[in-house]
Amino acid sequence: MAEYIAEDGTLITEEMIDQWVNEAEQGFPHSIITPIRPLAWRAMKQQTDYTPMKPHAIRMTDMLWQRVKKAAKEQNMDTSTYVRQAIARALTEDARNTSAA
Protein backbone atom coordinates (compact mmCIF):
# COMPACT_ATOMS: atom_id res chain seq x y z
CA MET A 1 0.00 0.00 0.00
CA ALA A 2 1.15 3.52 -0.77
CA GLU A 3 1.99 5.78 2.13
CA TYR A 4 0.49 9.27 2.23
CA ILE A 5 1.65 12.09 4.46
CA ALA A 6 -0.33 15.29 5.00
CA GLU A 7 1.24 18.70 4.52
CA ASP A 8 1.64 19.02 8.30
CA GLY A 9 3.55 15.71 8.48
CA THR A 10 0.65 13.55 9.70
CA LEU A 11 0.66 10.00 8.33
CA ILE A 12 -2.66 9.27 6.61
CA THR A 13 -3.96 5.90 7.78
CA GLU A 14 -6.58 3.56 6.31
CA GLU A 15 -8.76 4.29 9.36
CA MET A 16 -8.64 8.01 8.63
CA ILE A 17 -9.59 7.41 5.01
CA ASP A 18 -12.48 5.14 6.08
CA GLN A 19 -13.72 7.83 8.48
CA TRP A 20 -13.58 10.51 5.75
CA VAL A 21 -15.46 8.23 3.35
CA ASN A 22 -18.16 7.65 5.99
CA GLU A 23 -18.48 11.38 6.63
CA ALA A 24 -18.68 12.11 2.91
CA GLU A 25 -21.34 9.47 2.37
CA GLN A 26 -23.38 11.02 5.19
CA GLY A 27 -23.04 14.50 3.68
CA PHE A 28 -20.48 15.74 6.23
CA PRO A 29 -22.87 16.05 9.18
CA HIS A 30 -22.14 18.89 11.63
CA SER A 31 -19.80 20.51 9.11
CA ILE A 32 -19.83 23.81 7.31
CA ILE A 33 -18.53 23.41 3.79
CA THR A 34 -17.25 26.49 2.02
CA PRO A 35 -16.38 26.11 -1.65
CA ILE A 36 -13.02 27.50 -2.67
CA ARG A 37 -12.78 29.05 -6.10
CA PRO A 38 -9.19 29.24 -7.26
CA LEU A 39 -8.20 32.28 -9.25
CA ALA A 40 -9.21 31.58 -12.81
CA TRP A 41 -5.83 32.36 -14.32
CA ARG A 42 -3.90 30.06 -12.00
CA ALA A 43 -3.78 26.42 -13.02
CA MET A 44 -4.16 23.72 -10.44
CA LYS A 45 -1.78 20.85 -11.16
CA GLN A 46 -4.62 18.30 -11.16
CA GLN A 47 -6.74 20.12 -13.73
CA THR A 48 -6.70 18.61 -17.19
CA ASP A 49 -9.17 21.02 -18.81
CA TYR A 50 -7.26 24.16 -17.88
CA THR A 51 -6.96 26.80 -20.57
CA PRO A 52 -4.36 29.44 -19.74
CA MET A 53 -5.61 33.01 -19.60
CA LYS A 54 -3.68 36.10 -20.55
CA PRO A 55 -4.42 39.68 -19.58
CA HIS A 56 -5.88 41.87 -22.34
CA ALA A 57 -6.50 45.59 -21.98
CA ILE A 58 -9.78 47.15 -23.04
CA ARG A 59 -10.81 50.77 -22.82
CA MET A 60 -14.09 51.98 -21.37
CA THR A 61 -15.48 55.04 -19.68
CA ASP A 62 -15.34 55.40 -15.93
CA MET A 63 -19.13 55.32 -15.85
CA LEU A 64 -19.24 51.97 -17.66
CA TRP A 65 -16.49 50.56 -15.43
CA GLN A 66 -18.47 51.55 -12.32
CA ARG A 67 -21.51 49.75 -13.74
CA VAL A 68 -19.38 46.64 -14.38
CA LYS A 69 -17.99 46.71 -10.84
CA LYS A 70 -21.47 47.14 -9.35
CA ALA A 71 -22.97 44.32 -11.43
CA ALA A 72 -20.06 42.00 -10.60
CA LYS A 73 -20.42 42.72 -6.89
CA GLU A 74 -24.17 42.09 -7.03
CA GLN A 75 -23.48 38.68 -8.59
CA ASN A 76 -20.70 37.91 -6.12
CA MET A 77 -18.04 37.81 -8.85
CA ASP A 78 -14.76 39.49 -9.48
CA THR A 79 -14.82 41.97 -12.34
CA SER A 80 -12.70 39.82 -14.68
CA THR A 81 -15.05 36.85 -14.37
CA TYR A 82 -18.08 39.08 -14.84
CA VAL A 83 -16.64 40.70 -17.99
CA ARG A 84 -15.60 37.31 -19.46
CA GLN A 85 -19.09 35.91 -18.90
CA ALA A 86 -20.79 39.02 -20.28
CA ILE A 87 -18.65 38.90 -23.43
CA ALA A 88 -19.26 35.16 -23.85
CA ARG A 89 -23.05 35.69 -23.49
CA ALA A 90 -23.02 38.52 -26.02
CA LEU A 91 -21.01 36.48 -28.53
CA THR A 92 -23.29 33.47 -28.10
CA GLU A 93 -26.36 35.65 -28.63
CA ASP A 94 -24.76 37.23 -31.72
CA ALA A 95 -23.99 33.79 -33.14
CA ARG A 96 -27.62 32.68 -32.57
CA ASN A 97 -28.95 35.82 -34.21
CA THR A 98 -26.60 35.40 -37.18
CA SER A 99 -27.49 31.74 -37.71
CA ALA A 100 -31.21 32.46 -37.39
CA ALA A 101 -31.09 35.13 -40.11
PDB file of N, CA and C in Angstrom:
ATOM      1  N   MET A   1       0.838  -1.191   0.000  1.00  0.00           N
ATOM      2  CA  MET A   1       0.000   0.000   0.000  1.00  0.00           C
ATOM      3  C   MET A   1       0.878   1.247   0.000  1.00  0.00           C
ATOM      4  N   ALA A   2       0.425   2.257  -0.735  1.00  0.00           N
ATOM      5  CA  ALA A   2       1.152   3.518  -0.772  1.00  0.00           C
ATOM      6  C   ALA A   2       1.018   4.230   0.566  1.00  0.00           C
ATOM      7  N   GLU A   3       2.005   5.025   0.889  1.00  0.00           N
ATOM      8  CA  GLU A   3       1.989   5.784   2.134  1.00  0.00           C
ATOM      9  C   GLU A   3       1.761   7.251   1.798  1.00  0.00           C
ATOM     10  N   TYR A   4       0.801   7.870   2.471  1.00  0.00           N
ATOM     11  CA  TYR A   4       0.488   9.270   2.227  1.00  0.00           C
ATOM     12  C   TYR A   4       0.734  10.061   3.496  1.00  0.00           C
ATOM     13  N   ILE A   5       1.351  11.228   3.331  1.00  0.00           N
ATOM     14  CA  ILE A   5       1.655  12.095   4.459  1.00  0.00           C
ATOM     15  C   ILE A   5       1.057  13.468   4.182  1.00  0.00           C
ATOM     16  N   ALA A   6       0.295  13.979   5.144  1.00  0.00           N
ATOM     17  CA  ALA A   6      -0.334  15.292   5.000  1.00  0.00           C
ATOM     18  C   ALA A   6       0.723  16.382   5.022  1.00  0.00           C
ATOM     19  N   GLU A   7       0.324  17.563   4.577  1.00  0.00           N
ATOM     20  CA  GLU A   7       1.241  18.705   4.518  1.00  0.00           C
ATOM     21  C   GLU A   7       1.867  19.007   5.875  1.00  0.00           C
ATOM     22  N   ASP A   8       1.113  18.746   6.963  1.00  0.00           N
ATOM     23  CA  ASP A   8       1.637  19.024   8.302  1.00  0.00           C
ATOM     24  C   ASP A   8       2.482  17.880   8.867  1.00  0.00           C
ATOM     25  N   GLY A   9       2.714  16.829   8.055  1.00  0.00           N
ATOM     26  CA  GLY A   9       3.555  15.714   8.481  1.00  0.00           C
ATOM     27  C   GLY A   9       2.794  14.534   9.053  1.00  0.00           C
ATOM     28  N   THR A  10       1.460  14.629   9.153  1.00  0.00           N
ATOM     29  CA  THR A  10       0.648  13.548   9.696  1.00  0.00           C
ATOM     30  C   THR A  10       0.563  12.399   8.696  1.00  0.00           C
ATOM     31  N   LEU A  11       0.809  11.184   9.173  1.00  0.00           N
ATOM     32  CA  LEU A  11       0.663   9.998   8.335  1.00  0.00           C
ATOM     33  C   LEU A  11      -0.819   9.712   8.153  1.00  0.00           C
ATOM     34  N   ILE A  12      -1.255   9.569   6.906  1.00  0.00           N
ATOM     35  CA  ILE A  12      -2.659   9.275   6.606  1.00  0.00           C
ATOM     36  C   ILE A  12      -2.848   7.764   6.682  1.00  0.00           C
ATOM     37  N   THR A  13      -3.741   7.325   7.582  1.00  0.00           N
ATOM     38  CA  THR A  13      -3.960   5.904   7.782  1.00  0.00           C
ATOM     39  C   THR A  13      -5.225   5.449   7.067  1.00  0.00           C
ATOM     40  N   GLU A  14      -5.366   4.130   6.902  1.00  0.00           N
ATOM     41  CA  GLU A  14      -6.579   3.562   6.306  1.00  0.00           C
ATOM     42  C   GLU A  14      -7.808   3.915   7.142  1.00  0.00           C
ATOM     43  N   GLU A  15      -7.641   3.945   8.475  1.00  0.00           N
ATOM     44  CA  GLU A  15      -8.757   4.286   9.357  1.00  0.00           C
ATOM     45  C   GLU A  15      -9.224   5.715   9.113  1.00  0.00           C
ATOM     46  N   MET A  16      -8.285   6.618   8.906  1.00  0.00           N
ATOM     47  CA  MET A  16      -8.641   8.013   8.631  1.00  0.00           C
ATOM     48  C   MET A  16      -9.414   8.104   7.313  1.00  0.00           C
ATOM     49  N   ILE A  17      -8.933   7.400   6.318  1.00  0.00           N
ATOM     50  CA  ILE A  17      -9.594   7.409   5.009  1.00  0.00           C
ATOM     51  C   ILE A  17     -11.001   6.840   5.136  1.00  0.00           C
ATOM     52  N   ASP A  18     -11.150   5.730   5.862  1.00  0.00           N
ATOM     53  CA  ASP A  18     -12.479   5.136   6.076  1.00  0.00           C
ATOM     54  C   ASP A  18     -13.416   6.127   6.770  1.00  0.00           C
ATOM     55  N   GLN A  19     -12.911   6.842   7.757  1.00  0.00           N
ATOM     56  CA  GLN A  19     -13.723   7.825   8.480  1.00  0.00           C
ATOM     57  C   GLN A  19     -14.156   8.941   7.527  1.00  0.00           C
ATOM     58  N   TRP A  20     -13.247   9.437   6.704  1.00  0.00           N
ATOM     59  CA  TRP A  20     -13.577  10.505   5.751  1.00  0.00           C
ATOM     60  C   TRP A  20     -14.621  10.028   4.736  1.00  0.00           C
ATOM     61  N   VAL A  21     -14.490   8.792   4.287  1.00  0.00           N
ATOM     62  CA  VAL A  21     -15.460   8.235   3.346  1.00  0.00           C
ATOM     63  C   VAL A  21     -16.833   8.187   4.000  1.00  0.00           C
ATOM     64  N   ASN A  22     -16.889   7.694   5.251  1.00  0.00           N
ATOM     65  CA  ASN A  22     -18.160   7.646   5.993  1.00  0.00           C
ATOM     66  C   ASN A  22     -18.785   9.026   6.108  1.00  0.00           C
ATOM     67  N   GLU A  23     -17.973  10.024   6.484  1.00  0.00           N
ATOM     68  CA  GLU A  23     -18.477  11.383   6.630  1.00  0.00           C
ATOM     69  C   GLU A  23     -18.993  11.921   5.294  1.00  0.00           C
ATOM     70  N   ALA A  24     -18.265  11.647   4.229  1.00  0.00           N
ATOM     71  CA  ALA A  24     -18.681  12.113   2.905  1.00  0.00           C
ATOM     72  C   ALA A  24     -19.996  11.469   2.491  1.00  0.00           C
ATOM     73  N   GLU A  25     -20.124  10.181   2.727  1.00  0.00           N
ATOM     74  CA  GLU A  25     -21.345   9.472   2.368  1.00  0.00           C
ATOM     75  C   GLU A  25     -22.555   9.971   3.162  1.00  0.00           C
ATOM     76  N   GLN A  26     -22.304  10.489   4.359  1.00  0.00           N
ATOM     77  CA  GLN A  26     -23.382  11.021   5.193  1.00  0.00           C
ATOM     78  C   GLN A  26     -23.607  12.520   4.944  1.00  0.00           C
ATOM     79  N   GLY A  27     -22.871  13.086   3.991  1.00  0.00           N
ATOM     80  CA  GLY A  27     -23.040  14.504   3.680  1.00  0.00           C
ATOM     81  C   GLY A  27     -22.326  15.433   4.635  1.00  0.00           C
ATOM     82  N   PHE A  28     -21.268  14.956   5.284  1.00  0.00           N
ATOM     83  CA  PHE A  28     -20.478  15.738   6.228  1.00  0.00           C
ATOM     84  C   PHE A  28     -21.354  16.364   7.309  1.00  0.00           C
ATOM     85  N   PRO A  29     -22.010  15.513   8.126  1.00  0.00           N
ATOM     86  CA  PRO A  29     -22.874  16.053   9.180  1.00  0.00           C
ATOM     87  C   PRO A  29     -22.081  16.929  10.148  1.00  0.00           C
ATOM     88  N   HIS A  30     -22.726  17.967  10.648  1.00  0.00           N
ATOM     89  CA  HIS A  30     -22.140  18.890  11.629  1.00  0.00           C
ATOM     90  C   HIS A  30     -20.938  19.645  11.051  1.00  0.00           C
ATOM     91  N   SER A  31     -20.899  19.788   9.741  1.00  0.00           N
ATOM     92  CA  SER A  31     -19.801  20.509   9.110  1.00  0.00           C
ATOM     93  C   SER A  31     -20.333  21.671   8.301  1.00  0.00           C
ATOM     94  N   ILE A  32     -19.525  22.688   8.193  1.00  0.00           N
ATOM     95  CA  ILE A  32     -19.834  23.812   7.314  1.00  0.00           C
ATOM     96  C   ILE A  32     -18.849  23.725   6.162  1.00  0.00           C
ATOM     97  N   ILE A  33     -19.389  23.571   4.966  1.00  0.00           N
ATOM     98  CA  ILE A  33     -18.534  23.410   3.792  1.00  0.00           C
ATOM     99  C   ILE A  33     -18.558  24.706   3.006  1.00  0.00           C
ATOM    100  N   THR A  34     -17.386  25.263   2.773  1.00  0.00           N
ATOM    101  CA  THR A  34     -17.248  26.493   2.018  1.00  0.00           C
ATOM    102  C   THR A  34     -16.475  26.197   0.747  1.00  0.00           C
ATOM    103  N   PRO A  35     -17.104  26.374  -0.406  1.00  0.00           N
ATOM    104  CA  PRO A  35     -16.381  26.109  -1.649  1.00  0.00           C
ATOM    105  C   PRO A  35     -15.247  27.115  -1.836  1.00  0.00           C
ATOM    106  N   ILE A  36     -14.175  26.647  -2.388  1.00  0.00           N
ATOM    107  CA  ILE A  36     -13.020  27.498  -2.667  1.00  0.00           C
ATOM    108  C   ILE A  36     -12.888  27.607  -4.170  1.00  0.00           C
ATOM    109  N   ARG A  37     -12.931  28.829  -4.662  1.00  0.00           N
ATOM    110  CA  ARG A  37     -12.776  29.046  -6.096  1.00  0.00           C
ATOM    111  C   ARG A  37     -11.372  29.566  -6.351  1.00  0.00           C
ATOM    112  N   PRO A  38     -10.539  28.751  -6.981  1.00  0.00           N
ATOM    113  CA  PRO A  38      -9.188  29.242  -7.263  1.00  0.00           C
ATOM    114  C   PRO A  38      -9.249  30.379  -8.278  1.00  0.00           C
ATOM    115  N   LEU A  39      -8.251  31.206  -8.270  1.00  0.00           N
ATOM    116  CA  LEU A  39      -8.199  32.279  -9.249  1.00  0.00           C
ATOM    117  C   LEU A  39      -8.179  31.669 -10.632  1.00  0.00           C
ATOM    118  N   ALA A  40      -8.999  32.191 -11.503  1.00  0.00           N
ATOM    119  CA  ALA A  40      -9.213  31.579 -12.814  1.00  0.00           C
ATOM    120  C   ALA A  40      -7.937  31.456 -13.632  1.00  0.00           C
ATOM    121  N   TRP A  41      -7.019  32.380 -13.477  1.00  0.00           N
ATOM    122  CA  TRP A  41      -5.830  32.363 -14.323  1.00  0.00           C
ATOM    123  C   TRP A  41      -4.697  31.526 -13.737  1.00  0.00           C
ATOM    124  N   ARG A  42      -4.924  30.919 -12.575  1.00  0.00           N
ATOM    125  CA  ARG A  42      -3.899  30.057 -11.996  1.00  0.00           C
ATOM    126  C   ARG A  42      -4.305  28.605 -12.165  1.00  0.00           C
ATOM    127  N   ALA A  43      -3.452  27.825 -12.786  1.00  0.00           N
ATOM    128  CA  ALA A  43      -3.781  26.415 -13.021  1.00  0.00           C
ATOM    129  C   ALA A  43      -3.524  25.619 -11.758  1.00  0.00           C
ATOM    130  N   MET A  44      -4.410  24.691 -11.486  1.00  0.00           N
ATOM    131  CA  MET A  44      -4.156  23.715 -10.443  1.00  0.00           C
ATOM    132  C   MET A  44      -3.517  22.522 -11.135  1.00  0.00           C
ATOM    133  N   LYS A  45      -2.525  21.927 -10.523  1.00  0.00           N
ATOM    134  CA  LYS A  45      -1.781  20.847 -11.163  1.00  0.00           C
ATOM    135  C   LYS A  45      -2.676  19.682 -11.593  1.00  0.00           C
ATOM    136  N   GLN A  46      -3.767  19.435 -10.851  1.00  0.00           N
ATOM    137  CA  GLN A  46      -4.618  18.304 -11.158  1.00  0.00           C
ATOM    138  C   GLN A  46      -5.551  18.567 -12.330  1.00  0.00           C
ATOM    139  N   GLN A  47      -5.771  19.818 -12.678  1.00  0.00           N
ATOM    140  CA  GLN A  47      -6.737  20.124 -13.730  1.00  0.00           C
ATOM    141  C   GLN A  47      -6.219  19.674 -15.085  1.00  0.00           C
ATOM    142  N   THR A  48      -7.094  19.031 -15.839  1.00  0.00           N
ATOM    143  CA  THR A  48      -6.705  18.612 -17.185  1.00  0.00           C
ATOM    144  C   THR A  48      -7.380  19.479 -18.237  1.00  0.00           C
ATOM    145  N   ASP A  49      -8.446  20.195 -17.850  1.00  0.00           N
ATOM    146  CA  ASP A  49      -9.170  21.018 -18.809  1.00  0.00           C
ATOM    147  C   ASP A  49      -8.818  22.489 -18.680  1.00  0.00           C
ATOM    148  N   TYR A  50      -7.670  22.781 -18.121  1.00  0.00           N
ATOM    149  CA  TYR A  50      -7.264  24.164 -17.877  1.00  0.00           C
ATOM    150  C   TYR A  50      -6.823  24.830 -19.179  1.00  0.00           C
ATOM    151  N   THR A  51      -7.386  25.985 -19.448  1.00  0.00           N
ATOM    152  CA  THR A  51      -6.961  26.801 -20.571  1.00  0.00           C
ATOM    153  C   THR A  51      -6.305  28.045 -20.001  1.00  0.00           C
ATOM    154  N   PRO A  52      -5.039  28.266 -20.312  1.00  0.00           N
ATOM    155  CA  PRO A  52      -4.360  29.439 -19.741  1.00  0.00           C
ATOM    156  C   PRO A  52      -5.037  30.745 -20.177  1.00  0.00           C
ATOM    157  N   MET A  53      -5.041  31.705 -19.297  1.00  0.00           N
ATOM    158  CA  MET A  53      -5.608  33.006 -19.604  1.00  0.00           C
ATOM    159  C   MET A  53      -4.489  34.032 -19.610  1.00  0.00           C
ATOM    160  N   LYS A  54      -4.644  35.009 -20.453  1.00  0.00           N
ATOM    161  CA  LYS A  54      -3.682  36.096 -20.546  1.00  0.00           C
ATOM    162  C   LYS A  54      -4.421  37.405 -20.336  1.00  0.00           C
ATOM    163  N   PRO A  55      -3.763  38.384 -19.748  1.00  0.00           N
ATOM    164  CA  PRO A  55      -4.415  39.681 -19.582  1.00  0.00           C
ATOM    165  C   PRO A  55      -4.522  40.405 -20.923  1.00  0.00           C
ATOM    166  N   HIS A  56      -5.659  41.061 -21.133  1.00  0.00           N
ATOM    167  CA  HIS A  56      -5.878  41.872 -22.335  1.00  0.00           C
ATOM    168  C   HIS A  56      -6.505  43.183 -21.877  1.00  0.00           C
ATOM    169  N   ALA A  57      -5.986  44.276 -22.373  1.00  0.00           N
ATOM    170  CA  ALA A  57      -6.503  45.590 -21.983  1.00  0.00           C
ATOM    171  C   ALA A  57      -7.669  45.983 -22.883  1.00  0.00           C
ATOM    172  N   ILE A  58      -8.693  46.547 -22.272  1.00  0.00           N
ATOM    173  CA  ILE A  58      -9.782  47.150 -23.040  1.00  0.00           C
ATOM    174  C   ILE A  58      -9.991  48.547 -22.480  1.00  0.00           C
ATOM    175  N   ARG A  59     -10.552  49.401 -23.274  1.00  0.00           N
ATOM    176  CA  ARG A  59     -10.807  50.768 -22.823  1.00  0.00           C
ATOM    177  C   ARG A  59     -12.307  50.968 -22.678  1.00  0.00           C
ATOM    178  N   MET A  60     -12.690  51.648 -21.588  1.00  0.00           N
ATOM    179  CA  MET A  60     -14.094  51.976 -21.368  1.00  0.00           C
ATOM    180  C   MET A  60     -14.160  53.219 -20.509  1.00  0.00           C
ATOM    181  N   THR A  61     -15.301  53.847 -20.502  1.00  0.00           N
ATOM    182  CA  THR A  61     -15.482  55.041 -19.684  1.00  0.00           C
ATOM    183  C   THR A  61     -15.513  54.656 -18.207  1.00  0.00           C
ATOM    184  N   ASP A  62     -15.241  55.641 -17.372  1.00  0.00           N
ATOM    185  CA  ASP A  62     -15.336  55.398 -15.929  1.00  0.00           C
ATOM    186  C   ASP A  62     -16.755  55.014 -15.527  1.00  0.00           C
ATOM    187  N   MET A  63     -17.734  55.618 -16.176  1.00  0.00           N
ATOM    188  CA  MET A  63     -19.130  55.325 -15.849  1.00  0.00           C
ATOM    189  C   MET A  63     -19.448  53.855 -16.155  1.00  0.00           C
ATOM    190  N   LEU A  64     -19.003  53.372 -17.314  1.00  0.00           N
ATOM    191  CA  LEU A  64     -19.241  51.975 -17.661  1.00  0.00           C
ATOM    192  C   LEU A  64     -18.500  51.052 -16.703  1.00  0.00           C
ATOM    193  N   TRP A  65     -17.263  51.397 -16.357  1.00  0.00           N
ATOM    194  CA  TRP A  65     -16.487  50.560 -15.431  1.00  0.00           C
ATOM    195  C   TRP A  65     -17.181  50.462 -14.074  1.00  0.00           C
ATOM    196  N   GLN A  66     -17.757  51.572 -13.598  1.00  0.00           N
ATOM    197  CA  GLN A  66     -18.473  51.551 -12.323  1.00  0.00           C
ATOM    198  C   GLN A  66     -19.694  50.640 -12.409  1.00  0.00           C
ATOM    199  N   ARG A  67     -20.365  50.643 -13.551  1.00  0.00           N
ATOM    200  CA  ARG A  67     -21.512  49.747 -13.737  1.00  0.00           C
ATOM    201  C   ARG A  67     -21.068  48.291 -13.724  1.00  0.00           C
ATOM    202  N   VAL A  68     -19.925  48.008 -14.367  1.00  0.00           N
ATOM    203  CA  VAL A  68     -19.381  46.642 -14.382  1.00  0.00           C
ATOM    204  C   VAL A  68     -19.056  46.197 -12.964  1.00  0.00           C
ATOM    205  N   LYS A  69     -18.363  47.055 -12.218  1.00  0.00           N
ATOM    206  CA  LYS A  69     -17.994  46.706 -10.842  1.00  0.00           C
ATOM    207  C   LYS A  69     -19.221  46.442  -9.978  1.00  0.00           C
ATOM    208  N   LYS A  70     -20.247  47.298 -10.140  1.00  0.00           N
ATOM    209  CA  LYS A  70     -21.470  47.144  -9.352  1.00  0.00           C
ATOM    210  C   LYS A  70     -22.171  45.831  -9.706  1.00  0.00           C
ATOM    211  N   ALA A  71     -22.294  45.550 -11.001  1.00  0.00           N
ATOM    212  CA  ALA A  71     -22.971  44.323 -11.434  1.00  0.00           C
ATOM    213  C   ALA A  71     -22.204  43.086 -10.961  1.00  0.00           C
ATOM    214  N   ALA A  72     -20.878  43.128 -11.051  1.00  0.00           N
ATOM    215  CA  ALA A  72     -20.059  41.997 -10.605  1.00  0.00           C
ATOM    216  C   ALA A  72     -20.249  41.763  -9.106  1.00  0.00           C
ATOM    217  N   LYS A  73     -20.241  42.840  -8.338  1.00  0.00           N
ATOM    218  CA  LYS A  73     -20.417  42.718  -6.891  1.00  0.00           C
ATOM    219  C   LYS A  73     -21.784  42.133  -6.556  1.00  0.00           C
ATOM    220  N   GLU A  74     -22.821  42.591  -7.279  1.00  0.00           N
ATOM    221  CA  GLU A  74     -24.173  42.088  -7.033  1.00  0.00           C
ATOM    222  C   GLU A  74     -24.276  40.591  -7.320  1.00  0.00           C
ATOM    223  N   GLN A  75     -23.453  40.109  -8.248  1.00  0.00           N
ATOM    224  CA  GLN A  75     -23.481  38.682  -8.590  1.00  0.00           C
ATOM    225  C   GLN A  75     -22.393  37.899  -7.866  1.00  0.00           C
ATOM    226  N   ASN A  76     -21.735  38.564  -6.920  1.00  0.00           N
ATOM    227  CA  ASN A  76     -20.700  37.907  -6.118  1.00  0.00           C
ATOM    228  C   ASN A  76     -19.551  37.385  -6.980  1.00  0.00           C
ATOM    229  N   MET A  77     -19.119  38.189  -7.933  1.00  0.00           N
ATOM    230  CA  MET A  77     -18.042  37.807  -8.846  1.00  0.00           C
ATOM    231  C   MET A  77     -16.964  38.880  -8.831  1.00  0.00           C
ATOM    232  N   ASP A  78     -15.762  38.474  -9.234  1.00  0.00           N
ATOM    233  CA  ASP A  78     -14.758  39.491  -9.476  1.00  0.00           C
ATOM    234  C   ASP A  78     -15.034  40.093 -10.852  1.00  0.00           C
ATOM    235  N   THR A  79     -14.487  41.267 -11.099  1.00  0.00           N
ATOM    236  CA  THR A  79     -14.817  41.970 -12.344  1.00  0.00           C
ATOM    237  C   THR A  79     -14.339  41.214 -13.581  1.00  0.00           C
ATOM    238  N   SER A  80     -13.204  40.561 -13.514  1.00  0.00           N
ATOM    239  CA  SER A  80     -12.703  39.821 -14.679  1.00  0.00           C
ATOM    240  C   SER A  80     -13.659  38.703 -15.077  1.00  0.00           C
ATOM    241  N   THR A  81     -14.119  37.945 -14.095  1.00  0.00           N
ATOM    242  CA  THR A  81     -15.053  36.849 -14.373  1.00  0.00           C
ATOM    243  C   THR A  81     -16.340  37.406 -14.954  1.00  0.00           C
ATOM    244  N   TYR A  82     -16.836  38.480 -14.356  1.00  0.00           N
ATOM    245  CA  TYR A  82     -18.080  39.078 -14.844  1.00  0.00           C
ATOM    246  C   TYR A  82     -17.939  39.515 -16.303  1.00  0.00           C
ATOM    247  N   VAL A  83     -16.850  40.215 -16.621  1.00  0.00           N
ATOM    248  CA  VAL A  83     -16.643  40.701 -17.992  1.00  0.00           C
ATOM    249  C   VAL A  83     -16.506  39.530 -18.958  1.00  0.00           C
ATOM    250  N   ARG A  84     -15.741  38.491 -18.580  1.00  0.00           N
ATOM    251  CA  ARG A  84     -15.603  37.314 -19.456  1.00  0.00           C
ATOM    252  C   ARG A  84     -16.960  36.692 -19.747  1.00  0.00           C
ATOM    253  N   GLN A  85     -17.776  36.525 -18.709  1.00  0.00           N
ATOM    254  CA  GLN A  85     -19.085  35.907 -18.904  1.00  0.00           C
ATOM    255  C   GLN A  85     -20.005  36.799 -19.734  1.00  0.00           C
ATOM    256  N   ALA A  86     -19.944  38.101 -19.511  1.00  0.00           N
ATOM    257  CA  ALA A  86     -20.789  39.020 -20.281  1.00  0.00           C
ATOM    258  C   ALA A  86     -20.397  38.986 -21.755  1.00  0.00           C
ATOM    259  N   ILE A  87     -19.110  38.966 -22.040  1.00  0.00           N
ATOM    260  CA  ILE A  87     -18.648  38.902 -23.429  1.00  0.00           C
ATOM    261  C   ILE A  87     -19.063  37.572 -24.057  1.00  0.00           C
ATOM    262  N   ALA A  88     -18.893  36.482 -23.328  1.00  0.00           N
ATOM    263  CA  ALA A  88     -19.262  35.165 -23.852  1.00  0.00           C
ATOM    264  C   ALA A  88     -20.762  35.103 -24.150  1.00  0.00           C
ATOM    265  N   ARG A  89     -21.596  35.660 -23.250  1.00  0.00           N
ATOM    266  CA  ARG A  89     -23.047  35.686 -23.490  1.00  0.00           C
ATOM    267  C   ARG A  89     -23.376  36.505 -24.733  1.00  0.00           C
ATOM    268  N   ALA A  90     -22.750  37.661 -24.869  1.00  0.00           N
ATOM    269  CA  ALA A  90     -23.023  38.520 -26.021  1.00  0.00           C
ATOM    270  C   ALA A  90     -22.613  37.839 -27.321  1.00  0.00           C
ATOM    271  N   LEU A  91     -21.462  37.171 -27.315  1.00  0.00           N
ATOM    272  CA  LEU A  91     -21.011  36.481 -28.526  1.00  0.00           C
ATOM    273  C   LEU A  91     -21.912  35.304 -28.872  1.00  0.00           C
ATOM    274  N   THR A  92     -22.381  34.587 -27.864  1.00  0.00           N
ATOM    275  CA  THR A  92     -23.293  33.467 -28.099  1.00  0.00           C
ATOM    276  C   THR A  92     -24.603  33.967 -28.687  1.00  0.00           C
ATOM    277  N   GLU A  93     -25.110  35.072 -28.119  1.00  0.00           N
ATOM    278  CA  GLU A  93     -26.358  35.649 -28.626  1.00  0.00           C
ATOM    279  C   GLU A  93     -26.169  36.134 -30.070  1.00  0.00           C
ATOM    280  N   ASP A  94     -25.041  36.776 -30.352  1.00  0.00           N
ATOM    281  CA  ASP A  94     -24.764  37.231 -31.720  1.00  0.00           C
ATOM    282  C   ASP A  94     -24.724  36.051 -32.691  1.00  0.00           C
ATOM    283  N   ALA A  95     -24.090  34.965 -32.260  1.00  0.00           N
ATOM    284  CA  ALA A  95     -23.993  33.785 -33.136  1.00  0.00           C
ATOM    285  C   ALA A  95     -25.384  33.212 -33.402  1.00  0.00           C
ATOM    286  N   ARG A  96     -26.242  33.173 -32.376  1.00  0.00           N
ATOM    287  CA  ARG A  96     -27.616  32.684 -32.572  1.00  0.00           C
ATOM    288  C   ARG A  96     -28.386  33.565 -33.533  1.00  0.00           C
ATOM    289  N   ASN A  97     -28.239  34.884 -33.351  1.00  0.00           N
ATOM    290  CA  ASN A  97     -28.949  35.822 -34.210  1.00  0.00           C
ATOM    291  C   ASN A  97     -28.454  35.724 -35.662  1.00  0.00           C
ATOM    292  N   THR A  98     -27.164  35.503 -35.835  1.00  0.00           N
ATOM    293  CA  THR A  98     -26.597  35.397 -37.179  1.00  0.00           C
ATOM    294  C   THR A  98     -27.060  34.118 -37.859  1.00  0.00           C
ATOM    295  N   SER A  99     -27.085  33.015 -37.112  1.00  0.00           N
ATOM    296  CA  SER A  99     -27.490  31.738 -37.714  1.00  0.00           C
ATOM    297  C   SER A  99     -28.992  31.679 -37.972  1.00  0.00           C
ATOM    298  N   ALA A 100     -29.771  32.447 -37.210  1.00  0.00           N
ATOM    299  CA  ALA A 100     -31.214  32.457 -37.391  1.00  0.00           C
ATOM    300  C   ALA A 100     -31.631  33.308 -38.609  1.00  0.00           C
ATOM    301  N   ALA A 101     -30.750  34.213 -39.000  1.00  0.00           N
ATOM    302  CA  ALA A 101     -31.088  35.127 -40.110  1.00  0.00           C
ATOM    303  C   ALA A 101     -30.940  34.459 -41.455  1.00  0.00           C
TER     304      ALA A 101
END
